[in-house]
Amino acid sequence: MARTWLSVRVDLVEGHGECLWPRPGRIFAAARTHTFQQLADAIDGAFARWDRSHLQEFTLADGTRLCIPNPDWEIEGEKAEDLQHVRLSRLRPGEQFVYVFDLGDDWAHLCTVGPQRIDPVDALGIIPKRPVPYWGWGDIPDQYRRQWYGYNGESPPPKDPKLADLPPLRYDWGPESPRHRP
């Protein structure tokens, strides 16, 4: 297959009122025929978004906003298009744009199109049906900044049971494992 796909680097810059440094990121392979909605779904999956019921939008370098249109939110003179229908073919090598997930918590990502097109078989070993990440780095923060199960923003962290609380499905799990014997 020819080098026809885009490589898009996505860096998580900020969210939930905090700037992130070093910035976690992922690199995606995406066909020019994929839509921005498909790219948004891939980004949300790769950045561990489990509550997807939030608004999202892209802002392109020329100021065009891509979102799910709603006449109640239109701003006079603003260019807005439906991200469900706009294809990635409008992107150019080196172009930068912004993706924001959850307009309340404002998870903002800087997206940069790679300088050259890629062959998905070379990069991934397959030709996927949707955009997919193929490289990444950094710790991804929880969407709501929860630190553990049951976290309410005030409770102290639970005591670390050192694997003793797990069922003995592995040799070193459970209270009777060699790790926990005196």
N, C-alpha and C. Protein backbone atom coordinates (compact mmCIF):
# COMPACT_ATOMS: atom_id res chain seq x y z
N MET A 1 0.85 -1.19 0.00
CA MET A 1 0.00 0.00 0.00
C MET A 1 0.89 1.24 0.00
N ALA A 2 0.44 2.25 -0.67
CA ALA A 2 1.20 3.51 -0.76
C ALA A 2 1.10 4.29 0.54
N ARG A 3 1.95 5.27 0.65
CA ARG A 3 1.93 6.15 1.83
C ARG A 3 0.81 7.17 1.64
N THR A 4 -0.40 6.78 2.05
CA THR A 4 -1.56 7.63 1.83
C THR A 4 -2.22 8.10 3.12
N TRP A 5 -1.81 7.54 4.24
CA TRP A 5 -2.44 7.88 5.50
C TRP A 5 -1.71 9.01 6.20
N LEU A 6 -2.43 9.68 7.08
CA LEU A 6 -1.84 10.74 7.89
C LEU A 6 -1.31 10.17 9.20
N SER A 7 -0.29 10.78 9.70
CA SER A 7 0.20 10.53 11.05
C SER A 7 -0.10 11.81 11.82
N VAL A 8 -0.83 11.69 12.92
CA VAL A 8 -1.23 12.87 13.68
C VAL A 8 -0.75 12.72 15.13
N ARG A 9 0.12 13.63 15.54
CA ARG A 9 0.60 13.65 16.92
C ARG A 9 -0.39 14.45 17.74
N VAL A 10 -0.79 13.89 18.90
CA VAL A 10 -1.76 14.55 19.78
C VAL A 10 -1.14 14.65 21.17
N ASP A 11 -0.92 15.88 21.63
CA ASP A 11 -0.37 16.15 22.96
C ASP A 11 -1.47 16.72 23.85
N LEU A 12 -1.65 16.13 25.03
CA LEU A 12 -2.61 16.66 26.00
C LEU A 12 -1.95 17.83 26.73
N VAL A 13 -2.46 19.04 26.48
CA VAL A 13 -1.85 20.26 27.01
C VAL A 13 -2.42 20.63 28.37
N GLU A 14 -3.73 20.57 28.51
CA GLU A 14 -4.36 20.98 29.76
C GLU A 14 -5.72 20.34 29.90
N GLY A 15 -6.21 20.39 31.13
CA GLY A 15 -7.55 19.89 31.41
C GLY A 15 -7.84 19.96 32.88
N HIS A 16 -9.10 20.11 33.18
CA HIS A 16 -9.57 20.14 34.57
C HIS A 16 -8.87 21.25 35.36
N GLY A 17 -8.55 22.34 34.65
CA GLY A 17 -7.94 23.50 35.30
C GLY A 17 -6.44 23.41 35.52
N GLU A 18 -5.79 22.39 34.97
CA GLU A 18 -4.35 22.22 35.16
C GLU A 18 -3.63 22.10 33.83
N CYS A 19 -2.46 22.71 33.73
CA CYS A 19 -1.58 22.51 32.58
C CYS A 19 -0.72 21.29 32.89
N LEU A 20 -0.51 20.46 31.90
CA LEU A 20 0.25 19.23 32.10
C LEU A 20 1.66 19.38 31.54
N TRP A 21 2.63 18.99 32.35
CA TRP A 21 4.03 18.96 31.89
C TRP A 21 4.77 17.90 32.68
N PRO A 22 5.51 17.03 32.04
CA PRO A 22 5.56 16.87 30.60
C PRO A 22 4.20 16.41 30.06
N ARG A 23 3.94 16.77 28.84
CA ARG A 23 2.63 16.48 28.24
C ARG A 23 2.57 15.04 27.74
N PRO A 24 1.53 14.29 28.17
CA PRO A 24 1.35 12.96 27.61
C PRO A 24 0.86 13.08 26.17
N GLY A 25 1.17 12.10 25.37
CA GLY A 25 0.76 12.18 23.98
C GLY A 25 0.64 10.83 23.31
N ARG A 26 0.04 10.84 22.15
CA ARG A 26 -0.14 9.65 21.32
C ARG A 26 0.03 10.08 19.86
N ILE A 27 0.46 9.13 19.04
CA ILE A 27 0.52 9.37 17.61
C ILE A 27 -0.48 8.43 16.95
N PHE A 28 -1.30 8.99 16.08
CA PHE A 28 -2.38 8.24 15.44
C PHE A 28 -2.12 8.07 13.95
N ALA A 29 -2.54 6.93 13.44
CA ALA A 29 -2.60 6.70 12.00
C ALA A 29 -4.06 6.91 11.62
N ALA A 30 -4.30 7.69 10.56
CA ALA A 30 -5.67 7.98 10.14
C ALA A 30 -5.71 8.16 8.63
N ALA A 31 -6.72 7.57 8.02
CA ALA A 31 -6.91 7.74 6.58
C ALA A 31 -7.50 9.12 6.32
N ARG A 32 -7.20 9.65 5.18
CA ARG A 32 -7.77 10.96 4.82
C ARG A 32 -9.28 10.88 4.66
N THR A 33 -9.82 9.67 4.49
CA THR A 33 -11.27 9.50 4.36
C THR A 33 -11.98 9.44 5.72
N HIS A 34 -11.22 9.28 6.79
CA HIS A 34 -11.85 9.27 8.12
C HIS A 34 -12.37 10.67 8.44
N THR A 35 -13.38 10.71 9.31
CA THR A 35 -13.95 11.99 9.72
C THR A 35 -13.28 12.49 11.00
N PHE A 36 -13.48 13.75 11.28
CA PHE A 36 -12.98 14.29 12.54
C PHE A 36 -13.67 13.64 13.73
N GLN A 37 -14.92 13.21 13.57
CA GLN A 37 -15.60 12.50 14.66
C GLN A 37 -14.88 11.19 14.95
N GLN A 38 -14.46 10.48 13.91
CA GLN A 38 -13.71 9.24 14.13
C GLN A 38 -12.37 9.50 14.81
N LEU A 39 -11.72 10.58 14.44
CA LEU A 39 -10.46 10.94 15.11
C LEU A 39 -10.73 11.29 16.57
N ALA A 40 -11.79 12.04 16.84
CA ALA A 40 -12.15 12.39 18.23
C ALA A 40 -12.40 11.13 19.05
N ASP A 41 -13.12 10.17 18.49
CA ASP A 41 -13.39 8.91 19.21
C ASP A 41 -12.10 8.18 19.52
N ALA A 42 -11.17 8.15 18.56
CA ALA A 42 -9.88 7.48 18.77
C ALA A 42 -9.07 8.19 19.85
N ILE A 43 -9.06 9.51 19.82
CA ILE A 43 -8.33 10.29 20.84
C ILE A 43 -8.93 10.01 22.22
N ASP A 44 -10.25 10.05 22.31
CA ASP A 44 -10.90 9.83 23.61
C ASP A 44 -10.60 8.44 24.15
N GLY A 45 -10.56 7.44 23.28
CA GLY A 45 -10.21 6.09 23.73
C GLY A 45 -8.76 6.01 24.20
N ALA A 46 -7.86 6.60 23.44
CA ALA A 46 -6.43 6.53 23.78
C ALA A 46 -6.09 7.35 25.02
N PHE A 47 -6.92 8.36 25.34
CA PHE A 47 -6.67 9.18 26.52
C PHE A 47 -7.60 8.81 27.67
N ALA A 48 -8.12 7.58 27.64
CA ALA A 48 -8.86 6.97 28.76
C ALA A 48 -10.12 7.73 29.17
N ARG A 49 -10.85 8.24 28.20
CA ARG A 49 -12.12 8.91 28.50
C ARG A 49 -13.21 7.85 28.59
N TRP A 50 -13.75 7.67 29.74
CA TRP A 50 -14.77 6.64 29.91
C TRP A 50 -16.18 7.22 29.96
N ASP A 51 -16.33 8.48 30.27
CA ASP A 51 -17.64 9.14 30.21
C ASP A 51 -17.62 10.00 28.96
N ARG A 52 -18.23 9.49 27.89
CA ARG A 52 -18.16 10.16 26.59
C ARG A 52 -19.36 11.07 26.34
N SER A 53 -20.15 11.36 27.34
CA SER A 53 -21.37 12.15 27.16
C SER A 53 -21.11 13.65 27.20
N HIS A 54 -19.95 14.08 26.76
CA HIS A 54 -19.58 15.50 26.82
C HIS A 54 -19.41 16.07 25.42
N LEU A 55 -19.56 17.38 25.32
CA LEU A 55 -19.34 18.05 24.04
C LEU A 55 -17.87 18.04 23.69
N GLN A 56 -17.62 18.11 22.39
CA GLN A 56 -16.25 18.11 21.89
C GLN A 56 -16.18 19.01 20.67
N GLU A 57 -14.98 19.51 20.40
CA GLU A 57 -14.83 20.34 19.21
C GLU A 57 -13.37 20.40 18.78
N PHE A 58 -13.20 20.63 17.50
CA PHE A 58 -11.88 20.90 16.93
C PHE A 58 -11.87 22.36 16.50
N THR A 59 -10.72 23.01 16.59
CA THR A 59 -10.53 24.34 16.01
C THR A 59 -9.34 24.23 15.08
N LEU A 60 -9.59 24.47 13.80
CA LEU A 60 -8.54 24.37 12.80
C LEU A 60 -7.72 25.65 12.75
N ALA A 61 -6.58 25.59 12.08
CA ALA A 61 -5.66 26.73 12.02
C ALA A 61 -6.31 27.97 11.42
N ASP A 62 -7.28 27.78 10.51
CA ASP A 62 -7.94 28.93 9.89
C ASP A 62 -9.10 29.47 10.72
N GLY A 63 -9.28 28.91 11.94
CA GLY A 63 -10.35 29.37 12.82
C GLY A 63 -11.65 28.61 12.68
N THR A 64 -11.74 27.70 11.71
CA THR A 64 -12.96 26.91 11.54
C THR A 64 -13.16 26.02 12.75
N ARG A 65 -14.39 26.03 13.25
CA ARG A 65 -14.76 25.18 14.38
C ARG A 65 -15.51 23.97 13.85
N LEU A 66 -15.11 22.78 14.29
CA LEU A 66 -15.79 21.55 13.94
C LEU A 66 -16.43 21.00 15.20
N CYS A 67 -17.75 20.85 15.16
CA CYS A 67 -18.48 20.38 16.33
C CYS A 67 -19.77 19.74 15.84
N ILE A 68 -20.60 19.29 16.76
CA ILE A 68 -21.93 18.84 16.37
C ILE A 68 -22.80 20.08 16.42
N PRO A 69 -23.27 20.54 15.26
CA PRO A 69 -23.98 21.82 15.19
C PRO A 69 -25.24 21.85 16.07
N ASN A 70 -25.45 23.01 16.66
CA ASN A 70 -26.65 23.26 17.44
C ASN A 70 -27.01 24.73 17.21
N PRO A 71 -28.17 25.00 16.64
CA PRO A 71 -28.52 26.40 16.35
C PRO A 71 -28.54 27.31 17.57
N ASP A 72 -28.73 26.75 18.76
CA ASP A 72 -28.74 27.55 19.98
C ASP A 72 -27.35 28.05 20.36
N TRP A 73 -26.29 27.44 19.80
CA TRP A 73 -24.93 27.80 20.18
C TRP A 73 -24.19 28.53 19.07
N GLU A 74 -24.86 28.85 17.99
CA GLU A 74 -24.19 29.51 16.88
C GLU A 74 -23.77 30.93 17.26
N ILE A 75 -22.58 31.30 16.83
CA ILE A 75 -22.06 32.64 17.07
C ILE A 75 -21.97 33.34 15.72
N GLU A 76 -22.52 34.52 15.64
CA GLU A 76 -22.55 35.25 14.38
C GLU A 76 -21.15 35.47 13.83
N GLY A 77 -20.98 35.16 12.56
CA GLY A 77 -19.69 35.34 11.90
C GLY A 77 -18.71 34.19 12.10
N GLU A 78 -19.05 33.24 12.94
CA GLU A 78 -18.15 32.11 13.20
C GLU A 78 -18.37 31.01 12.16
N LYS A 79 -17.27 30.40 11.73
CA LYS A 79 -17.35 29.28 10.81
C LYS A 79 -17.41 28.00 11.63
N ALA A 80 -18.54 27.29 11.55
CA ALA A 80 -18.67 26.01 12.26
C ALA A 80 -19.20 24.97 11.28
N GLU A 81 -18.59 23.77 11.34
CA GLU A 81 -19.00 22.67 10.48
C GLU A 81 -19.22 21.43 11.33
N ASP A 82 -19.92 20.45 10.78
CA ASP A 82 -20.27 19.22 11.48
C ASP A 82 -19.08 18.25 11.47
N LEU A 83 -18.52 17.98 12.62
CA LEU A 83 -17.35 17.10 12.70
C LEU A 83 -17.67 15.67 12.30
N GLN A 84 -18.96 15.32 12.27
CA GLN A 84 -19.36 13.97 11.87
C GLN A 84 -19.22 13.75 10.36
N HIS A 85 -19.12 14.85 9.60
CA HIS A 85 -19.07 14.74 8.14
C HIS A 85 -17.79 15.26 7.51
N VAL A 86 -17.06 16.11 8.22
CA VAL A 86 -15.85 16.69 7.65
C VAL A 86 -14.73 15.65 7.71
N ARG A 87 -14.08 15.45 6.58
CA ARG A 87 -13.03 14.43 6.47
C ARG A 87 -11.64 15.02 6.76
N LEU A 88 -10.75 14.14 7.17
CA LEU A 88 -9.39 14.55 7.49
C LEU A 88 -8.60 14.96 6.25
N SER A 89 -9.15 14.74 5.07
CA SER A 89 -8.45 15.10 3.83
C SER A 89 -8.19 16.60 3.74
N ARG A 90 -8.86 17.39 4.55
CA ARG A 90 -8.62 18.84 4.49
C ARG A 90 -7.36 19.25 5.25
N LEU A 91 -6.74 18.31 5.96
CA LEU A 91 -5.51 18.61 6.69
C LEU A 91 -4.28 18.52 5.79
N ARG A 92 -3.29 19.33 6.09
CA ARG A 92 -2.04 19.37 5.32
C ARG A 92 -0.85 19.00 6.20
N PRO A 93 0.23 18.49 5.62
CA PRO A 93 1.42 18.15 6.41
C PRO A 93 1.88 19.35 7.26
N GLY A 94 2.18 19.07 8.52
CA GLY A 94 2.66 20.11 9.43
C GLY A 94 1.57 20.96 10.05
N GLU A 95 0.35 20.85 9.58
CA GLU A 95 -0.74 21.68 10.11
C GLU A 95 -1.02 21.34 11.57
N GLN A 96 -1.32 22.37 12.35
CA GLN A 96 -1.68 22.19 13.75
C GLN A 96 -3.11 22.65 13.98
N PHE A 97 -3.78 21.95 14.88
CA PHE A 97 -5.16 22.27 15.25
C PHE A 97 -5.39 21.81 16.67
N VAL A 98 -6.51 22.21 17.24
CA VAL A 98 -6.82 21.90 18.64
C VAL A 98 -8.04 21.00 18.70
N TYR A 99 -7.98 20.03 19.60
CA TYR A 99 -9.14 19.21 19.93
C TYR A 99 -9.44 19.41 21.40
N VAL A 100 -10.71 19.72 21.73
CA VAL A 100 -11.13 19.88 23.12
C VAL A 100 -12.23 18.88 23.41
N PHE A 101 -12.01 18.08 24.43
CA PHE A 101 -13.02 17.15 24.93
C PHE A 101 -13.58 17.71 26.22
N ASP A 102 -14.89 17.69 26.36
CA ASP A 102 -15.59 18.17 27.55
C ASP A 102 -15.34 19.67 27.71
N LEU A 103 -16.24 20.44 27.14
CA LEU A 103 -16.07 21.89 27.13
C LEU A 103 -16.15 22.50 28.53
N GLY A 104 -16.56 21.73 29.52
CA GLY A 104 -16.55 22.20 30.90
C GLY A 104 -15.19 22.01 31.54
N ASP A 105 -14.68 20.77 31.49
CA ASP A 105 -13.36 20.48 32.07
C ASP A 105 -12.23 20.84 31.11
N ASP A 106 -12.56 21.07 29.85
CA ASP A 106 -11.63 21.66 28.88
C ASP A 106 -10.33 20.87 28.71
N TRP A 107 -10.46 19.58 28.35
CA TRP A 107 -9.28 18.77 28.06
C TRP A 107 -8.80 19.16 26.66
N ALA A 108 -7.78 20.02 26.59
CA ALA A 108 -7.32 20.59 25.32
C ALA A 108 -6.07 19.85 24.83
N HIS A 109 -6.10 19.48 23.55
CA HIS A 109 -5.02 18.74 22.92
C HIS A 109 -4.50 19.53 21.72
N LEU A 110 -3.18 19.60 21.60
CA LEU A 110 -2.57 20.16 20.40
C LEU A 110 -2.32 19.00 19.44
N CYS A 111 -2.87 19.10 18.25
CA CYS A 111 -2.74 18.06 17.24
C CYS A 111 -1.84 18.59 16.12
N THR A 112 -0.90 17.77 15.69
CA THR A 112 0.04 18.16 14.64
C THR A 112 0.11 17.07 13.60
N VAL A 113 -0.21 17.41 12.36
CA VAL A 113 -0.13 16.45 11.27
C VAL A 113 1.34 16.23 10.95
N GLY A 114 1.71 14.95 10.81
CA GLY A 114 3.10 14.61 10.49
C GLY A 114 3.53 15.20 9.16
N PRO A 115 4.85 15.38 8.98
CA PRO A 115 5.36 16.02 7.76
C PRO A 115 5.19 15.16 6.50
N GLN A 116 5.04 13.85 6.69
CA GLN A 116 4.88 12.95 5.55
C GLN A 116 3.77 11.96 5.81
N ARG A 117 3.18 11.48 4.76
CA ARG A 117 2.14 10.45 4.88
C ARG A 117 2.80 9.11 5.22
N ILE A 118 2.00 8.21 5.77
CA ILE A 118 2.51 6.91 6.18
C ILE A 118 1.74 5.79 5.49
N ASP A 119 2.34 4.63 5.46
CA ASP A 119 1.69 3.40 5.00
C ASP A 119 1.21 2.70 6.27
N PRO A 120 -0.11 2.47 6.43
CA PRO A 120 -0.60 1.86 7.67
C PRO A 120 -0.05 0.45 7.89
N VAL A 121 0.21 -0.27 6.82
CA VAL A 121 0.76 -1.62 6.97
C VAL A 121 2.17 -1.55 7.55
N ASP A 122 2.97 -0.59 7.10
CA ASP A 122 4.31 -0.41 7.66
C ASP A 122 4.24 0.03 9.12
N ALA A 123 3.37 0.97 9.44
CA ALA A 123 3.30 1.54 10.78
C ALA A 123 2.58 0.64 11.77
N LEU A 124 1.53 -0.07 11.30
CA LEU A 124 0.67 -0.82 12.22
C LEU A 124 0.66 -2.33 11.98
N GLY A 125 1.00 -2.73 10.76
CA GLY A 125 0.89 -4.14 10.40
C GLY A 125 -0.49 -4.51 9.90
N ILE A 126 -1.41 -3.56 9.87
CA ILE A 126 -2.79 -3.79 9.43
C ILE A 126 -3.31 -2.52 8.76
N ILE A 127 -4.49 -2.64 8.17
CA ILE A 127 -5.21 -1.47 7.68
C ILE A 127 -6.48 -1.37 8.53
N PRO A 128 -6.46 -0.51 9.55
CA PRO A 128 -7.62 -0.42 10.45
C PRO A 128 -8.79 0.31 9.80
N LYS A 129 -9.97 0.07 10.36
CA LYS A 129 -11.18 0.72 9.85
C LYS A 129 -11.35 2.14 10.40
N ARG A 130 -10.68 2.43 11.50
CA ARG A 130 -10.79 3.74 12.14
C ARG A 130 -9.39 4.24 12.50
N PRO A 131 -9.26 5.52 12.83
CA PRO A 131 -7.96 6.01 13.30
C PRO A 131 -7.54 5.24 14.57
N VAL A 132 -6.26 4.95 14.66
CA VAL A 132 -5.75 4.22 15.83
C VAL A 132 -4.41 4.80 16.28
N PRO A 133 -4.15 4.75 17.60
CA PRO A 133 -2.83 5.18 18.07
C PRO A 133 -1.81 4.09 17.77
N TYR A 134 -0.59 4.51 17.43
CA TYR A 134 0.45 3.52 17.23
C TYR A 134 1.74 3.86 17.97
N TRP A 135 1.73 4.91 18.75
CA TRP A 135 2.87 5.26 19.59
C TRP A 135 2.36 6.17 20.68
N GLY A 136 3.00 6.16 21.83
CA GLY A 136 2.54 7.03 22.90
C GLY A 136 3.53 7.14 24.03
N TRP A 137 3.26 8.09 24.94
CA TRP A 137 4.12 8.36 26.08
C TRP A 137 3.31 9.09 27.14
N GLY A 138 3.79 9.01 28.36
CA GLY A 138 3.24 9.80 29.46
C GLY A 138 2.07 9.15 30.18
N ASP A 139 1.83 9.66 31.38
CA ASP A 139 0.72 9.20 32.21
C ASP A 139 -0.54 9.97 31.84
N ILE A 140 -1.61 9.25 31.63
CA ILE A 140 -2.89 9.85 31.26
C ILE A 140 -3.70 10.09 32.54
N PRO A 141 -4.06 11.34 32.84
CA PRO A 141 -4.84 11.60 34.05
C PRO A 141 -6.28 11.12 33.89
N ASP A 142 -6.86 10.73 35.00
CA ASP A 142 -8.27 10.32 35.00
C ASP A 142 -9.13 11.50 34.57
N GLN A 143 -10.16 11.21 33.83
CA GLN A 143 -11.05 12.24 33.29
C GLN A 143 -11.58 13.18 34.37
N TYR A 144 -11.87 12.64 35.54
CA TYR A 144 -12.40 13.47 36.63
C TYR A 144 -11.38 13.67 37.75
N ARG A 145 -10.11 13.31 37.47
CA ARG A 145 -8.99 13.46 38.40
C ARG A 145 -9.17 12.61 39.66
N ARG A 146 -9.91 11.51 39.55
CA ARG A 146 -10.07 10.60 40.68
C ARG A 146 -8.79 9.80 40.84
N GLN A 147 -8.37 9.62 42.07
CA GLN A 147 -7.11 8.96 42.35
C GLN A 147 -7.25 7.47 42.66
N TRP A 148 -8.41 7.02 43.10
CA TRP A 148 -8.66 5.60 43.40
C TRP A 148 -10.16 5.39 43.44
N TYR A 149 -10.56 4.12 43.43
CA TYR A 149 -11.98 3.78 43.49
C TYR A 149 -12.54 4.30 44.80
N GLY A 150 -13.64 5.04 44.71
CA GLY A 150 -14.25 5.61 45.90
C GLY A 150 -13.71 6.98 46.29
N TYR A 151 -12.78 7.51 45.52
CA TYR A 151 -12.20 8.82 45.82
C TYR A 151 -13.27 9.91 45.74
N ASN A 152 -13.33 10.76 46.75
CA ASN A 152 -14.34 11.83 46.76
C ASN A 152 -13.70 13.22 46.83
N GLY A 153 -12.40 13.30 46.65
CA GLY A 153 -11.72 14.58 46.69
C GLY A 153 -11.16 14.93 48.05
N GLU A 154 -11.59 14.23 49.09
CA GLU A 154 -11.14 14.55 50.44
C GLU A 154 -10.59 13.34 51.18
N SER A 155 -11.02 12.16 50.84
CA SER A 155 -10.64 10.97 51.60
C SER A 155 -9.15 10.64 51.43
N PRO A 156 -8.54 10.12 52.51
CA PRO A 156 -7.13 9.73 52.41
C PRO A 156 -7.01 8.49 51.53
N PRO A 157 -5.82 8.26 50.96
CA PRO A 157 -5.67 7.07 50.13
C PRO A 157 -5.81 5.80 50.96
N PRO A 158 -6.34 4.75 50.34
CA PRO A 158 -6.46 3.49 51.07
C PRO A 158 -5.07 2.89 51.33
N LYS A 159 -4.99 2.07 52.37
CA LYS A 159 -3.73 1.39 52.71
C LYS A 159 -3.44 0.37 51.60
N ASP A 160 -2.19 0.30 51.19
CA ASP A 160 -1.78 -0.64 50.14
C ASP A 160 -1.72 -2.06 50.72
N PRO A 161 -2.56 -2.98 50.23
CA PRO A 161 -2.57 -4.34 50.76
C PRO A 161 -1.45 -5.23 50.20
N LYS A 162 -0.62 -4.69 49.31
CA LYS A 162 0.52 -5.43 48.74
C LYS A 162 0.09 -6.75 48.09
N LEU A 163 -1.00 -6.73 47.34
CA LEU A 163 -1.54 -7.87 46.58
C LEU A 163 -2.25 -8.92 47.44
N ALA A 164 -2.28 -8.74 48.75
CA ALA A 164 -2.92 -9.71 49.62
C ALA A 164 -4.44 -9.71 49.47
N ASP A 165 -5.02 -8.66 48.93
CA ASP A 165 -6.47 -8.57 48.77
C ASP A 165 -6.97 -9.24 47.49
N LEU A 166 -6.05 -9.73 46.67
CA LEU A 166 -6.43 -10.31 45.38
C LEU A 166 -6.72 -11.80 45.48
N PRO A 167 -7.59 -12.31 44.60
CA PRO A 167 -7.81 -13.76 44.61
C PRO A 167 -6.55 -14.47 44.14
N PRO A 168 -6.30 -15.68 44.57
CA PRO A 168 -5.05 -16.37 44.22
C PRO A 168 -5.06 -16.92 42.79
N LEU A 169 -5.28 -16.04 41.83
CA LEU A 169 -5.31 -16.45 40.42
C LEU A 169 -3.92 -16.42 39.79
N ARG A 170 -2.96 -15.85 40.50
CA ARG A 170 -1.54 -15.86 40.09
C ARG A 170 -0.72 -16.35 41.28
N TYR A 171 0.45 -16.85 41.02
CA TYR A 171 1.27 -17.43 42.09
C TYR A 171 1.58 -16.46 43.22
N ASP A 172 1.64 -15.14 42.92
CA ASP A 172 2.01 -14.19 43.97
C ASP A 172 0.85 -13.31 44.43
N TRP A 173 -0.38 -13.71 44.12
CA TRP A 173 -1.55 -12.97 44.59
C TRP A 173 -2.16 -13.70 45.79
N GLY A 174 -2.86 -12.93 46.61
CA GLY A 174 -3.60 -13.49 47.73
C GLY A 174 -2.81 -13.50 49.01
N PRO A 175 -3.53 -13.69 50.13
CA PRO A 175 -2.88 -13.64 51.44
C PRO A 175 -1.90 -14.78 51.69
N GLU A 176 -2.02 -15.88 50.98
CA GLU A 176 -1.15 -17.03 51.20
C GLU A 176 0.03 -17.07 50.24
N SER A 177 0.20 -16.05 49.42
CA SER A 177 1.29 -16.06 48.44
C SER A 177 2.64 -15.94 49.14
N PRO A 178 3.70 -16.38 48.45
CA PRO A 178 5.04 -16.27 49.02
C PRO A 178 5.42 -14.84 49.41
N ARG A 179 4.88 -13.86 48.75
CA ARG A 179 5.20 -12.46 49.07
C ARG A 179 4.70 -12.07 50.46
N HIS A 180 3.67 -12.73 50.94
CA HIS A 180 3.03 -12.30 52.17
C HIS A 180 3.34 -13.21 53.36
N ARG A 181 4.15 -14.23 53.15
CA ARG A 181 4.52 -15.10 54.26
C ARG A 181 5.70 -14.49 55.01
N PRO A 182 5.71 -14.63 56.31
CA PRO A 182 6.82 -14.05 57.09
C PRO A 182 8.14 -14.76 56.83
